[in-house]
Amino acid sequence: MNKVRRILHNIFSPSGKGLGDKGFTLIELLVVVAILGTLAGVVAINVGQFFGAGQQEANDTELANVQTAVVALIAAAQASALDGNYTGINTKAQVLTVQAGGGSNNLGAYLIMATGDTLKQTYDISSAGEVSVAAAGG
């Protein structure tokens, strides 16, 4: 009977701890900490690559929205172009004038923004309605 008990004890408690002993050994805890540390390192490296990408996508989206607003402004006036070139556009309150319609319109009427009236970037708009990001310092 003792032999059976010893065999069962070894099967159910291979670490040598008795059936009544509970807890983890220091080695088991160190292995778990090492695995978690390795996983945290891999995640931190992979997450870091996404920080700059969000800002660039926001800038690209804003450029597309401003381009759409300018085209809508020209179309609403039933015109083929703006009256001239515009530089340094950085707020949706900027007034643009169009040919043929003879009037002027606020860019903000066609540009819906989530926050505030100021654009994240400064834009140049050609008389043909083409929008580009203004050169830095200019």
N, C-alpha and C. Protein backbone atom coordinates (compact mmCIF):
# COMPACT_ATOMS: atom_id res chain seq x y z
N MET A 1 0.81 -1.18 0.00
CA MET A 1 0.00 0.00 0.00
C MET A 1 0.86 1.26 0.00
N ASN A 2 1.96 1.22 0.76
CA ASN A 2 2.87 2.34 0.81
C ASN A 2 3.49 2.61 -0.55
N LYS A 3 3.79 1.54 -1.27
CA LYS A 3 4.38 1.68 -2.59
C LYS A 3 3.41 2.35 -3.55
N VAL A 4 2.15 2.00 -3.52
CA VAL A 4 1.12 2.61 -4.35
C VAL A 4 0.97 4.08 -4.00
N ARG A 5 0.98 4.36 -2.72
CA ARG A 5 0.85 5.74 -2.28
C ARG A 5 2.03 6.57 -2.79
N ARG A 6 3.25 6.04 -2.72
CA ARG A 6 4.41 6.76 -3.20
C ARG A 6 4.35 6.99 -4.71
N ILE A 7 3.90 6.02 -5.46
CA ILE A 7 3.77 6.16 -6.92
C ILE A 7 2.74 7.24 -7.25
N LEU A 8 1.59 7.20 -6.58
CA LEU A 8 0.56 8.22 -6.81
C LEU A 8 1.07 9.60 -6.41
N HIS A 9 1.81 9.66 -5.32
CA HIS A 9 2.36 10.94 -4.89
C HIS A 9 3.31 11.51 -5.95
N ASN A 10 4.13 10.66 -6.55
CA ASN A 10 5.06 11.11 -7.59
C ASN A 10 4.33 11.51 -8.87
N ILE A 11 3.25 10.83 -9.18
CA ILE A 11 2.48 11.16 -10.39
C ILE A 11 1.80 12.50 -10.24
N PHE A 12 1.15 12.72 -9.12
CA PHE A 12 0.38 13.95 -8.92
C PHE A 12 1.20 15.11 -8.36
N SER A 13 2.40 14.86 -7.93
CA SER A 13 3.24 15.91 -7.38
C SER A 13 4.68 15.69 -7.85
N PRO A 14 4.95 15.91 -9.15
CA PRO A 14 6.29 15.63 -9.67
C PRO A 14 7.35 16.58 -9.13
N SER A 15 6.97 17.73 -8.60
CA SER A 15 7.96 18.68 -8.10
C SER A 15 8.52 18.25 -6.76
N GLY A 16 7.96 17.21 -6.19
CA GLY A 16 8.45 16.73 -4.91
C GLY A 16 7.72 17.33 -3.74
N LYS A 17 6.82 18.25 -4.00
CA LYS A 17 6.05 18.84 -2.91
C LYS A 17 4.98 17.84 -2.48
N GLY A 18 4.63 17.91 -1.26
CA GLY A 18 3.58 17.04 -0.77
C GLY A 18 2.22 17.48 -1.29
N LEU A 19 1.24 16.62 -1.22
CA LEU A 19 -0.09 16.94 -1.71
C LEU A 19 -0.72 18.09 -0.94
N GLY A 20 -0.32 18.30 0.29
CA GLY A 20 -0.88 19.36 1.10
C GLY A 20 -0.16 20.70 0.90
N ASP A 21 1.03 20.68 0.31
CA ASP A 21 1.79 21.91 0.08
C ASP A 21 1.23 22.65 -1.12
N LYS A 22 1.06 23.98 -0.95
CA LYS A 22 0.53 24.78 -2.05
C LYS A 22 1.49 25.91 -2.34
N GLY A 23 1.44 26.43 -3.57
CA GLY A 23 2.30 27.55 -3.95
C GLY A 23 3.22 27.17 -5.09
N PHE A 24 4.01 28.16 -5.49
CA PHE A 24 4.92 27.96 -6.61
C PHE A 24 6.35 28.06 -6.11
N THR A 25 7.22 27.37 -6.80
CA THR A 25 8.63 27.48 -6.45
C THR A 25 9.18 28.76 -7.05
N LEU A 26 10.35 29.16 -6.57
CA LEU A 26 10.98 30.38 -7.07
C LEU A 26 11.29 30.25 -8.57
N ILE A 27 11.73 29.10 -8.98
CA ILE A 27 12.05 28.89 -10.41
C ILE A 27 10.80 29.05 -11.27
N GLU A 28 9.68 28.50 -10.85
CA GLU A 28 8.43 28.64 -11.60
C GLU A 28 8.03 30.10 -11.73
N LEU A 29 8.16 30.85 -10.65
CA LEU A 29 7.83 32.28 -10.69
C LEU A 29 8.78 33.04 -11.61
N LEU A 30 10.06 32.75 -11.57
CA LEU A 30 11.03 33.42 -12.43
C LEU A 30 10.77 33.12 -13.91
N VAL A 31 10.38 31.91 -14.22
CA VAL A 31 10.07 31.56 -15.62
C VAL A 31 8.86 32.36 -16.10
N VAL A 32 7.84 32.47 -15.29
CA VAL A 32 6.65 33.23 -15.66
C VAL A 32 7.00 34.71 -15.86
N VAL A 33 7.79 35.28 -14.96
CA VAL A 33 8.20 36.68 -15.09
C VAL A 33 9.02 36.88 -16.36
N ALA A 34 9.91 35.96 -16.68
CA ALA A 34 10.72 36.07 -17.89
C ALA A 34 9.86 36.02 -19.14
N ILE A 35 8.87 35.14 -19.17
CA ILE A 35 7.97 35.04 -20.32
C ILE A 35 7.16 36.32 -20.48
N LEU A 36 6.62 36.83 -19.38
CA LEU A 36 5.84 38.08 -19.45
C LEU A 36 6.71 39.25 -19.88
N GLY A 37 7.94 39.31 -19.41
CA GLY A 37 8.85 40.38 -19.82
C GLY A 37 9.16 40.33 -21.31
N THR A 38 9.37 39.14 -21.82
CA THR A 38 9.64 38.97 -23.26
C THR A 38 8.43 39.40 -24.08
N LEU A 39 7.24 39.00 -23.67
CA LEU A 39 6.03 39.40 -24.38
C LEU A 39 5.84 40.91 -24.34
N ALA A 40 6.08 41.53 -23.20
CA ALA A 40 5.94 42.98 -23.08
C ALA A 40 6.92 43.70 -24.00
N GLY A 41 8.13 43.19 -24.10
CA GLY A 41 9.13 43.78 -25.00
C GLY A 41 8.71 43.70 -26.45
N VAL A 42 8.19 42.57 -26.87
CA VAL A 42 7.74 42.40 -28.25
C VAL A 42 6.57 43.32 -28.56
N VAL A 43 5.64 43.42 -27.65
CA VAL A 43 4.47 44.29 -27.86
C VAL A 43 4.90 45.75 -27.92
N ALA A 44 5.79 46.18 -27.04
CA ALA A 44 6.22 47.58 -27.03
C ALA A 44 6.91 47.95 -28.33
N ILE A 45 7.71 47.07 -28.88
CA ILE A 45 8.40 47.34 -30.14
C ILE A 45 7.39 47.45 -31.28
N ASN A 46 6.43 46.57 -31.33
CA ASN A 46 5.46 46.57 -32.42
C ASN A 46 4.45 47.71 -32.33
N VAL A 47 4.11 48.16 -31.15
CA VAL A 47 3.15 49.25 -30.99
C VAL A 47 3.80 50.58 -31.36
N GLY A 48 5.08 50.72 -31.12
CA GLY A 48 5.79 51.97 -31.40
C GLY A 48 5.72 52.41 -32.84
N GLN A 49 5.61 51.51 -33.77
CA GLN A 49 5.58 51.87 -35.19
C GLN A 49 4.29 52.55 -35.60
N PHE A 50 3.26 52.50 -34.79
CA PHE A 50 1.97 53.08 -35.16
C PHE A 50 1.79 54.53 -34.72
N PHE A 51 2.67 55.05 -33.87
CA PHE A 51 2.48 56.40 -33.34
C PHE A 51 2.52 57.48 -34.41
N GLY A 52 3.48 57.47 -35.30
CA GLY A 52 3.58 58.50 -36.33
C GLY A 52 2.59 58.31 -37.46
N ALA A 53 2.16 57.10 -37.70
CA ALA A 53 1.27 56.81 -38.83
C ALA A 53 -0.08 57.48 -38.67
N GLY A 54 -0.59 57.59 -37.48
CA GLY A 54 -1.90 58.20 -37.25
C GLY A 54 -1.91 59.67 -37.62
N GLN A 55 -0.86 60.40 -37.28
CA GLN A 55 -0.79 61.82 -37.60
C GLN A 55 -0.72 62.03 -39.11
N GLN A 56 0.04 61.21 -39.80
CA GLN A 56 0.15 61.35 -41.26
C GLN A 56 -1.20 61.06 -41.92
N GLU A 57 -1.90 60.07 -41.44
CA GLU A 57 -3.22 59.76 -42.00
C GLU A 57 -4.20 60.90 -41.73
N ALA A 58 -4.13 61.53 -40.56
CA ALA A 58 -4.99 62.67 -40.25
C ALA A 58 -4.69 63.83 -41.20
N ASN A 59 -3.42 64.09 -41.47
CA ASN A 59 -3.05 65.16 -42.40
C ASN A 59 -3.54 64.87 -43.81
N ASP A 60 -3.40 63.63 -44.26
CA ASP A 60 -3.87 63.25 -45.59
C ASP A 60 -5.39 63.39 -45.71
N THR A 61 -6.09 63.01 -44.66
CA THR A 61 -7.55 63.12 -44.65
C THR A 61 -7.99 64.58 -44.69
N GLU A 62 -7.31 65.43 -43.92
CA GLU A 62 -7.66 66.85 -43.92
C GLU A 62 -7.43 67.46 -45.30
N LEU A 63 -6.32 67.11 -45.96
CA LEU A 63 -6.05 67.60 -47.32
C LEU A 63 -7.17 67.19 -48.27
N ALA A 64 -7.60 65.93 -48.18
CA ALA A 64 -8.69 65.46 -49.04
C ALA A 64 -9.99 66.20 -48.74
N ASN A 65 -10.25 66.48 -47.47
CA ASN A 65 -11.47 67.21 -47.10
C ASN A 65 -11.45 68.64 -47.61
N VAL A 66 -10.30 69.31 -47.51
CA VAL A 66 -10.20 70.68 -48.02
C VAL A 66 -10.37 70.68 -49.53
N GLN A 67 -9.78 69.70 -50.23
CA GLN A 67 -9.93 69.61 -51.69
C GLN A 67 -11.39 69.42 -52.06
N THR A 68 -12.09 68.56 -51.34
CA THR A 68 -13.50 68.32 -51.60
C THR A 68 -14.32 69.58 -51.35
N ALA A 69 -14.00 70.32 -50.29
CA ALA A 69 -14.72 71.55 -49.97
C ALA A 69 -14.53 72.61 -51.05
N VAL A 70 -13.31 72.72 -51.59
CA VAL A 70 -13.05 73.70 -52.64
C VAL A 70 -13.82 73.33 -53.91
N VAL A 71 -13.81 72.07 -54.25
CA VAL A 71 -14.55 71.62 -55.44
C VAL A 71 -16.05 71.87 -55.25
N ALA A 72 -16.56 71.61 -54.06
CA ALA A 72 -17.98 71.84 -53.77
C ALA A 72 -18.31 73.33 -53.87
N LEU A 73 -17.42 74.18 -53.38
CA LEU A 73 -17.62 75.62 -53.44
C LEU A 73 -17.70 76.09 -54.90
N ILE A 74 -16.79 75.60 -55.71
CA ILE A 74 -16.79 75.98 -57.14
C ILE A 74 -18.06 75.46 -57.83
N ALA A 75 -18.43 74.22 -57.53
CA ALA A 75 -19.62 73.64 -58.17
C ALA A 75 -20.89 74.35 -57.75
N ALA A 76 -20.99 74.73 -56.48
CA ALA A 76 -22.18 75.41 -55.99
C ALA A 76 -22.37 76.76 -56.67
N ALA A 77 -21.28 77.40 -57.01
CA ALA A 77 -21.35 78.71 -57.68
C ALA A 77 -21.52 78.54 -59.19
N GLN A 78 -21.57 77.31 -59.65
CA GLN A 78 -21.66 76.99 -61.07
C GLN A 78 -20.55 77.71 -61.85
N ALA A 79 -19.37 77.63 -61.30
CA ALA A 79 -18.21 78.27 -61.89
C ALA A 79 -17.22 77.20 -62.31
N SER A 80 -16.23 77.62 -63.08
CA SER A 80 -15.22 76.67 -63.51
C SER A 80 -13.92 76.83 -62.74
N ALA A 81 -13.77 77.94 -62.01
CA ALA A 81 -12.53 78.17 -61.28
C ALA A 81 -12.74 79.23 -60.22
N LEU A 82 -11.75 79.37 -59.36
CA LEU A 82 -11.73 80.47 -58.39
C LEU A 82 -11.22 81.72 -59.09
N ASP A 83 -11.41 82.89 -58.48
CA ASP A 83 -10.96 84.14 -59.09
C ASP A 83 -9.45 84.29 -59.09
N GLY A 84 -8.78 83.58 -58.24
CA GLY A 84 -7.33 83.70 -58.19
C GLY A 84 -6.73 82.61 -57.34
N ASN A 85 -5.42 82.71 -57.15
CA ASN A 85 -4.72 81.76 -56.29
C ASN A 85 -4.77 82.25 -54.84
N TYR A 86 -4.89 81.32 -53.92
CA TYR A 86 -4.94 81.65 -52.50
C TYR A 86 -3.79 80.92 -51.82
N THR A 87 -3.08 81.62 -50.95
CA THR A 87 -1.98 81.00 -50.21
C THR A 87 -2.20 81.21 -48.72
N GLY A 88 -1.65 80.31 -47.95
CA GLY A 88 -1.71 80.43 -46.50
C GLY A 88 -3.06 80.19 -45.88
N ILE A 89 -3.86 79.34 -46.48
CA ILE A 89 -5.18 79.02 -45.94
C ILE A 89 -4.99 78.09 -44.72
N ASN A 90 -5.39 78.56 -43.55
CA ASN A 90 -5.26 77.72 -42.37
C ASN A 90 -6.48 77.78 -41.45
N THR A 91 -7.57 78.34 -41.95
CA THR A 91 -8.80 78.38 -41.17
C THR A 91 -9.99 78.20 -42.11
N LYS A 92 -11.03 77.60 -41.60
CA LYS A 92 -12.19 77.37 -42.47
C LYS A 92 -13.01 78.64 -42.66
N ALA A 93 -12.66 79.71 -41.97
CA ALA A 93 -13.37 80.98 -42.13
C ALA A 93 -12.84 81.77 -43.33
N GLN A 94 -11.83 81.24 -44.00
CA GLN A 94 -11.25 81.92 -45.16
C GLN A 94 -12.32 82.09 -46.26
N VAL A 95 -12.39 83.29 -46.82
CA VAL A 95 -13.35 83.58 -47.88
C VAL A 95 -12.67 83.40 -49.23
N LEU A 96 -13.28 82.59 -50.07
CA LEU A 96 -12.78 82.38 -51.42
C LEU A 96 -13.82 82.92 -52.40
N THR A 97 -13.37 83.56 -53.47
CA THR A 97 -14.30 84.06 -54.47
C THR A 97 -14.22 83.20 -55.72
N VAL A 98 -15.34 83.12 -56.42
CA VAL A 98 -15.40 82.28 -57.61
C VAL A 98 -15.79 83.12 -58.83
N GLN A 99 -15.35 82.64 -59.98
CA GLN A 99 -15.71 83.31 -61.23
C GLN A 99 -17.13 82.93 -61.60
N ALA A 100 -17.66 83.59 -62.57
CA ALA A 100 -18.97 83.32 -63.15
C ALA A 100 -20.10 83.64 -62.19
N GLY A 101 -20.04 83.15 -60.96
CA GLY A 101 -21.07 83.46 -59.99
C GLY A 101 -20.93 84.88 -59.46
N GLY A 102 -19.72 85.40 -59.52
CA GLY A 102 -19.46 86.76 -59.10
C GLY A 102 -19.53 86.97 -57.60
N GLY A 103 -19.78 85.95 -56.84
CA GLY A 103 -19.91 86.12 -55.40
C GLY A 103 -18.72 85.55 -54.66
N SER A 104 -18.80 85.63 -53.37
CA SER A 104 -17.76 85.02 -52.55
C SER A 104 -18.42 84.07 -51.58
N ASN A 105 -17.67 83.11 -51.17
CA ASN A 105 -18.21 82.11 -50.27
C ASN A 105 -17.19 81.76 -49.21
N ASN A 106 -17.69 81.41 -48.05
CA ASN A 106 -16.85 81.00 -46.95
C ASN A 106 -16.52 79.52 -47.13
N LEU A 107 -15.25 79.18 -47.06
CA LEU A 107 -14.83 77.78 -47.21
C LEU A 107 -15.49 76.90 -46.15
N GLY A 108 -15.73 77.46 -44.97
CA GLY A 108 -16.32 76.70 -43.87
C GLY A 108 -17.71 76.19 -44.15
N ALA A 109 -18.42 76.81 -45.10
CA ALA A 109 -19.75 76.33 -45.44
C ALA A 109 -19.69 74.95 -46.08
N TYR A 110 -18.53 74.59 -46.60
CA TYR A 110 -18.37 73.30 -47.27
C TYR A 110 -17.40 72.38 -46.55
N LEU A 111 -16.86 72.86 -45.45
CA LEU A 111 -15.85 72.09 -44.73
C LEU A 111 -16.32 71.84 -43.30
N ILE A 112 -16.68 70.61 -43.02
CA ILE A 112 -17.13 70.25 -41.68
C ILE A 112 -15.95 69.65 -40.94
N MET A 113 -15.66 70.25 -39.78
CA MET A 113 -14.51 69.78 -39.00
C MET A 113 -14.98 69.34 -37.62
N ALA A 114 -14.26 68.38 -37.07
CA ALA A 114 -14.64 67.85 -35.76
C ALA A 114 -14.37 68.85 -34.64
N THR A 115 -13.26 69.55 -34.72
CA THR A 115 -12.90 70.46 -33.64
C THR A 115 -12.44 71.80 -34.19
N GLY A 116 -13.00 72.88 -33.71
CA GLY A 116 -12.52 74.22 -33.99
C GLY A 116 -12.61 74.65 -35.44
N ASP A 117 -12.04 75.85 -35.67
CA ASP A 117 -12.04 76.43 -37.01
C ASP A 117 -10.67 76.39 -37.67
N THR A 118 -9.64 76.05 -36.92
CA THR A 118 -8.29 76.08 -37.45
C THR A 118 -7.91 74.73 -38.03
N LEU A 119 -7.32 74.76 -39.21
CA LEU A 119 -6.86 73.54 -39.86
C LEU A 119 -5.51 73.13 -39.27
N LYS A 120 -5.19 71.85 -39.34
CA LYS A 120 -3.93 71.36 -38.81
C LYS A 120 -2.75 71.80 -39.68
N GLN A 121 -2.99 71.98 -40.95
CA GLN A 121 -1.94 72.36 -41.88
C GLN A 121 -2.34 73.66 -42.59
N THR A 122 -1.40 74.26 -43.28
CA THR A 122 -1.67 75.44 -44.09
C THR A 122 -1.65 75.02 -45.55
N TYR A 123 -2.62 75.54 -46.32
CA TYR A 123 -2.79 75.09 -47.70
C TYR A 123 -2.67 76.25 -48.69
N ASP A 124 -2.27 75.89 -49.89
CA ASP A 124 -2.31 76.80 -51.03
C ASP A 124 -3.37 76.25 -51.98
N ILE A 125 -4.18 77.15 -52.54
CA ILE A 125 -5.25 76.73 -53.46
C ILE A 125 -5.06 77.49 -54.75
N SER A 126 -4.96 76.76 -55.86
CA SER A 126 -4.80 77.40 -57.17
C SER A 126 -6.16 77.86 -57.69
N SER A 127 -6.14 78.71 -58.70
CA SER A 127 -7.39 79.20 -59.28
C SER A 127 -8.21 78.06 -59.88
N ALA A 128 -7.53 76.97 -60.27
CA ALA A 128 -8.23 75.82 -60.81
C ALA A 128 -8.86 74.95 -59.71
N GLY A 129 -8.61 75.31 -58.45
CA GLY A 129 -9.20 74.56 -57.34
C GLY A 129 -8.32 73.44 -56.82
N GLU A 130 -7.07 73.40 -57.24
CA GLU A 130 -6.16 72.35 -56.76
C GLU A 130 -5.57 72.79 -55.43
N VAL A 131 -5.64 71.88 -54.45
CA VAL A 131 -5.17 72.18 -53.10
C VAL A 131 -3.86 71.45 -52.86
N SER A 132 -2.90 72.16 -52.25
CA SER A 132 -1.63 71.54 -51.86
C SER A 132 -1.22 72.07 -50.50
N VAL A 133 -0.41 71.30 -49.81
CA VAL A 133 0.09 71.73 -48.51
C VAL A 133 1.13 72.80 -48.75
N ALA A 134 1.01 73.93 -48.05
CA ALA A 134 1.94 75.04 -48.23
C ALA A 134 3.32 74.65 -47.76
N ALA A 135 4.33 75.16 -48.45
CA ALA A 135 5.71 74.87 -48.08
C ALA A 135 6.00 75.44 -46.70
N ALA A 136 6.80 74.75 -45.92
CA ALA A 136 7.13 75.20 -44.58
C ALA A 136 7.90 76.52 -44.65
N GLY A 137 7.54 77.44 -43.79
CA GLY A 137 8.22 78.72 -43.73
C GLY A 137 7.78 79.68 -44.80
N GLY A 138 6.83 79.30 -45.63
CA GLY A 138 6.42 80.20 -46.71
C GLY A 138 5.01 80.50 -46.57
